[in-house]
């Protein structure tokens, strides 16, 4: 009888240890899945932003009311606003090879909105690219190689040669993420 009690006790200990190990394994897998999803979101953001910077044009535009805008706009709730070239495989009558792109940070979401034309068109509904962003800071590298926190061009068609975007994620303010992007039409 004592041997049976000892055997059941040992079996219970082994079963408990197995359940604890299995639970830890499942929790670790769930944490890994969340982290991988976050990394995927950051890579997707970086790819979209890099493509926008590559296709950015040193071209002033007009807003829907006909007012002139500089080639690269920032401020007033707008993180970045600019015109970009788009490829047209089968252009339709009246379509444009230029788009207006606007990046913004609102309510912890980094969004991107596109207008079908660079001049006079309103942007469509913003699409969330990243969530959980507490703060976004920009720096612009001018053609002299100097980093500036404000972009104040001398000409309306002037672009920086590079843009640095630093993102502070909610709950992770001690480790901001810094991205640097070359601007294809910059420095002119």
Protein backbone atom coordinates (compact mmCIF):
# COMPACT_ATOMS: atom_id res chain seq x y z
CA UNK A 1 0.00 0.00 0.00
CA UNK A 2 2.83 2.40 0.85
CA UNK A 3 4.53 1.56 -2.44
CA UNK A 4 1.31 2.35 -4.29
CA UNK A 5 1.02 5.74 -2.51
CA UNK A 6 4.65 6.59 -3.35
CA UNK A 7 4.12 5.57 -6.99
CA UNK A 8 0.98 7.73 -7.25
CA UNK A 9 2.81 10.64 -5.62
CA UNK A 10 5.70 10.34 -8.09
CA UNK A 11 3.27 10.02 -11.00
CA UNK A 12 1.44 13.15 -9.81
CA UNK A 13 4.72 15.09 -9.60
CA UNK A 14 5.70 14.04 -13.13
CA UNK A 15 2.24 14.94 -14.48
CA UNK A 16 2.35 18.36 -12.79
CA UNK A 17 5.85 19.06 -14.15
CA UNK A 18 4.70 18.04 -17.64
CA UNK A 19 1.71 20.38 -17.50
CA UNK A 20 3.92 23.27 -16.33
CA UNK A 21 6.43 22.64 -19.14
CA UNK A 22 3.67 22.39 -21.74
CA UNK A 23 2.08 25.62 -20.52
CA UNK A 24 5.40 27.48 -20.63
CA UNK A 25 6.02 26.17 -24.14
CA UNK A 26 2.59 27.35 -25.35
CA UNK A 27 3.07 30.79 -23.73
CA UNK A 28 6.53 31.15 -25.28
CA UNK A 29 5.12 30.26 -28.69
CA UNK A 30 2.34 32.85 -28.28
CA UNK A 31 4.87 35.54 -27.29
CA UNK A 32 7.03 34.62 -30.28
CA UNK A 33 4.04 34.85 -32.63
CA UNK A 34 3.18 38.34 -31.33
CA UNK A 35 6.79 39.50 -31.69
CA UNK A 36 7.06 38.07 -35.20
CA UNK A 37 3.87 39.88 -36.17
CA UNK A 38 5.29 43.16 -34.80
CA UNK A 39 8.51 42.62 -36.74
CA UNK A 40 6.51 41.90 -39.89
CA UNK A 41 4.52 45.12 -39.42
CA UNK A 42 7.76 47.12 -39.05
CA UNK A 43 9.27 45.53 -42.16
CA UNK A 44 6.11 46.24 -44.14
CA UNK A 45 6.12 49.88 -42.95
CA UNK A 46 9.81 50.25 -43.83
CA UNK A 47 9.27 48.81 -47.32
CA UNK A 48 6.29 51.09 -48.04
CA UNK A 49 8.08 54.19 -46.75
CA UNK A 50 11.29 53.35 -48.65
CA UNK A 51 9.29 52.95 -51.85
CA UNK A 52 7.57 56.29 -51.26
CA UNK A 53 10.95 57.99 -50.71
CA UNK A 54 12.33 56.39 -53.88
CA UNK A 55 9.39 57.65 -55.96
CA UNK A 56 9.13 61.12 -54.34
CA UNK A 57 9.28 63.96 -56.85
CA UNK A 58 10.71 67.47 -56.42
CA UNK A 59 7.42 68.88 -57.62
CA UNK A 60 5.22 71.46 -55.92
CA UNK A 61 1.49 70.73 -56.04
CA UNK A 62 -1.87 72.37 -55.40
CA UNK A 63 -4.42 71.48 -52.73
CA UNK A 64 -8.13 70.89 -53.51
CA UNK A 65 -8.76 74.66 -53.21
CA UNK A 66 -6.01 75.50 -55.72
CA UNK A 67 -3.48 76.81 -53.18
CA UNK A 68 0.19 76.12 -53.87
CA UNK A 69 2.06 73.56 -51.74
CA UNK A 70 5.80 72.96 -51.49
CA UNK A 71 7.18 69.63 -52.73
CA UNK A 72 7.51 68.24 -49.17
CA UNK A 73 5.11 69.35 -46.47
CA UNK A 74 5.18 68.66 -42.72
CA UNK A 75 3.23 69.91 -39.71
CA UNK A 76 -0.43 70.66 -38.93
CA UNK A 77 -1.18 67.02 -38.16
CA UNK A 78 0.71 65.92 -41.26
CA UNK A 79 3.89 63.92 -40.77
CA UNK A 80 4.88 64.01 -44.46
CA UNK A 81 3.05 65.09 -47.60
CA UNK A 82 4.51 64.86 -51.11
CA UNK A 83 3.94 63.90 -54.74
CA UNK A 84 5.24 60.63 -56.12
CA UNK A 85 5.52 58.91 -59.47
CA UNK A 86 3.40 55.80 -60.05
CA UNK A 87 3.80 53.20 -62.74
CA UNK A 88 0.91 52.94 -65.16
CA UNK A 89 0.74 49.61 -66.94
CA UNK A 90 -2.52 50.33 -68.74
CA UNK A 91 -3.28 54.05 -68.31
CA UNK A 92 -6.92 55.04 -68.53
CA UNK A 93 -8.07 58.36 -70.05
CA UNK A 94 -7.85 61.10 -67.44
CA UNK A 95 -5.65 59.08 -65.08
CA UNK A 96 -2.44 60.57 -63.73
CA UNK A 97 1.02 59.10 -63.29
CA UNK A 98 1.39 61.30 -60.19
CA UNK A 99 -0.12 60.75 -56.75
CA UNK A 100 -0.21 62.78 -53.58
CA UNK A 101 0.86 60.78 -50.50
CA UNK A 102 0.24 61.91 -46.92
CA UNK A 103 1.63 60.18 -43.83
CA UNK A 104 0.13 61.14 -40.45
CA UNK A 105 0.19 60.07 -36.81
CA UNK A 106 -3.16 60.18 -35.02
CA UNK A 107 -4.49 58.26 -32.01
CA UNK A 108 -1.40 56.04 -31.84
CA UNK A 109 -1.74 55.01 -35.49
CA UNK A 110 0.68 55.80 -38.30
CA UNK A 111 -1.47 56.19 -41.40
CA UNK A 112 -0.94 56.69 -45.12
CA UNK A 113 -3.47 58.32 -47.44
CA UNK A 114 -3.27 58.72 -51.20
CA UNK A 115 -4.85 61.19 -53.61
CA UNK A 116 -5.25 59.85 -57.16
CA UNK A 117 -3.72 63.03 -58.60
CA UNK A 118 -0.99 65.33 -57.33
CA UNK A 119 -2.97 68.51 -57.95
CA UNK A 120 -6.41 69.39 -56.69
CA UNK A 121 -7.56 65.95 -55.54
CA UNK A 122 -8.55 65.06 -52.00
CA UNK A 123 -6.83 62.13 -50.36
CA UNK A 124 -8.75 58.93 -49.82
CA UNK A 125 -9.40 57.37 -46.44
CA UNK A 126 -6.18 56.87 -44.48
CA UNK A 127 -4.91 53.31 -44.17
CA UNK A 128 -3.31 52.27 -40.88
CA UNK A 129 0.25 51.07 -41.48
CA UNK A 130 1.43 50.81 -37.84
CA UNK A 131 -0.41 50.86 -34.52
CA UNK A 132 0.81 51.55 -31.01
CA UNK A 133 2.97 54.54 -31.94
CA UNK A 134 3.27 57.12 -29.18
CA UNK A 135 5.43 59.67 -30.97
CA UNK A 136 7.10 60.28 -34.33
CA UNK A 137 10.06 62.62 -34.84
CA UNK A 138 11.52 63.69 -38.17
CA UNK A 139 14.91 64.96 -39.23
CA UNK A 140 15.85 66.08 -42.72
CA UNK A 141 19.33 66.02 -44.27
CA UNK A 142 19.89 68.93 -46.62
CA UNK A 143 22.22 68.98 -49.63
CA UNK A 144 25.05 70.31 -47.44
CA UNK A 145 24.77 67.18 -45.29
CA UNK A 146 23.33 68.98 -42.24
CA UNK A 147 20.48 67.34 -40.30
CA UNK A 148 17.56 69.67 -39.51
CA UNK A 149 14.52 69.07 -37.32
CA UNK A 150 12.35 71.37 -39.49
CA UNK A 151 12.21 71.27 -43.26
CA UNK A 152 12.30 74.84 -44.54
CA UNK A 153 13.18 74.69 -48.23
CA UNK A 154 14.67 77.64 -50.11
CA UNK A 155 12.69 76.67 -53.23
CA UNK A 156 9.22 75.12 -53.52
CA UNK A 157 10.62 72.14 -55.47
CA UNK A 158 13.46 71.39 -53.03
CA UNK A 159 13.67 68.02 -51.27
CA UNK A 160 16.07 66.74 -48.60
CA UNK A 161 18.59 64.06 -49.58
CA UNK A 162 17.50 61.87 -46.66
CA UNK A 163 14.77 61.67 -44.03
CA UNK A 164 15.16 60.13 -40.58
CA UNK A 165 11.98 58.99 -38.86
CA UNK A 166 12.17 58.01 -35.19
CA UNK A 167 9.16 56.15 -33.81
CA UNK A 168 8.44 55.72 -30.11
CA UNK A 169 6.20 52.73 -29.47
CA UNK A 170 3.65 52.77 -26.67
CA UNK A 171 5.08 51.03 -23.61
CA UNK A 172 8.61 51.05 -25.05
CA UNK A 173 9.72 54.68 -24.86
CA UNK A 174 13.21 53.71 -23.68
CA UNK A 175 13.97 52.07 -27.04
CA UNK A 176 12.83 54.25 -29.96
CA UNK A 177 13.10 52.89 -33.50
CA UNK A 178 15.05 55.03 -35.98
CA UNK A 179 14.65 54.63 -39.74
CA UNK A 180 16.71 56.51 -42.34
CA UNK A 181 15.48 56.79 -45.91
CA UNK A 182 17.23 58.23 -48.97
CA UNK A 183 15.09 60.56 -51.06
CA UNK A 184 15.59 59.87 -54.76
CA UNK A 185 14.71 63.39 -55.96
CA UNK A 186 16.49 65.13 -53.08
CA UNK A 187 19.47 67.43 -53.06
CA UNK A 188 18.51 69.30 -56.21
